[in-house]
């Protein structure tokens, strides 16, 4: 059970870091991009 929880935590943190990096890159690359498209 602890292995499964560790796996979920690892995947969750990886996805979170990937999402924040993608958001950061989009904000840097497309400053004129409307906020409605970033959702």
C-alpha atoms as a PDB file:
ATOM      1  CA  UNK A   1       0.000   0.000   0.000  1.00  0.00           C
ATOM      2  CA  UNK A   2       2.808   2.428   0.840  1.00  0.00           C
ATOM      3  CA  UNK A   3       4.418   1.709  -2.548  1.00  0.00           C
ATOM      4  CA  UNK A   4       1.201   2.713  -4.308  1.00  0.00           C
ATOM      5  CA  UNK A   5       0.959   5.918  -2.271  1.00  0.00           C
ATOM      6  CA  UNK A   6       4.583   6.758  -3.061  1.00  0.00           C
ATOM      7  CA  UNK A   7       3.983   6.145  -6.760  1.00  0.00           C
ATOM      8  CA  UNK A   8       0.902   8.390  -6.759  1.00  0.00           C
ATOM      9  CA  UNK A   9       2.807  11.119  -4.902  1.00  0.00           C
ATOM     10  CA  UNK A  10       5.720  10.910  -7.347  1.00  0.00           C
ATOM     11  CA  UNK A  11       3.480  11.064 -10.407  1.00  0.00           C
ATOM     12  CA  UNK A  12       1.455  13.891  -8.864  1.00  0.00           C
ATOM     13  CA  UNK A  13       4.507  16.013  -8.121  1.00  0.00           C
ATOM     14  CA  UNK A  14       5.917  15.329 -11.604  1.00  0.00           C
ATOM     15  CA  UNK A  15       2.664  16.381 -13.291  1.00  0.00           C
ATOM     16  CA  UNK A  16       2.459  19.481 -11.093  1.00  0.00           C
ATOM     17  CA  UNK A  17       6.007  20.550 -11.953  1.00  0.00           C
ATOM     18  CA  UNK A  18       5.399  19.816 -15.638  1.00  0.00           C
ATOM     19  CA  UNK A  19       2.181  21.856 -15.594  1.00  0.00           C
ATOM     20  CA  UNK A  20       3.814  24.833 -13.893  1.00  0.00           C
ATOM     21  CA  UNK A  21       6.713  24.735 -16.369  1.00  0.00           C
ATOM     22  CA  UNK A  22       4.292  24.608 -19.299  1.00  0.00           C
ATOM     23  CA  UNK A  23       2.328  27.563 -17.895  1.00  0.00           C
ATOM     24  CA  UNK A  24       5.569  29.509 -17.385  1.00  0.00           C
ATOM     25  CA  UNK A  25       6.715  28.822 -20.958  1.00  0.00           C
ATOM     26  CA  UNK A  26       3.321  29.833 -22.381  1.00  0.00           C
ATOM     27  CA  UNK A  27       3.343  33.082 -20.391  1.00  0.00           C
ATOM     28  CA  UNK A  28       6.874  33.887 -21.587  1.00  0.00           C
ATOM     29  CA  UNK A  29       6.292  32.937 -25.234  1.00  0.00           C
ATOM     30  CA  UNK A  30       2.830  34.436 -25.695  1.00  0.00           C
ATOM     31  CA  UNK A  31       2.458  37.594 -23.585  1.00  0.00           C
ATOM     32  CA  UNK A  32      -0.530  38.720 -25.663  1.00  0.00           C
ATOM     33  CA  UNK A  33      -2.360  35.421 -25.178  1.00  0.00           C
ATOM     34  CA  UNK A  34      -5.823  35.975 -23.645  1.00  0.00           C
ATOM     35  CA  UNK A  35      -6.341  34.594 -20.142  1.00  0.00           C
ATOM     36  CA  UNK A  36      -9.328  32.547 -21.348  1.00  0.00           C
ATOM     37  CA  UNK A  37      -7.055  30.385 -23.526  1.00  0.00           C
ATOM     38  CA  UNK A  38      -4.674  29.499 -20.668  1.00  0.00           C
ATOM     39  CA  UNK A  39      -7.402  27.563 -18.861  1.00  0.00           C
END
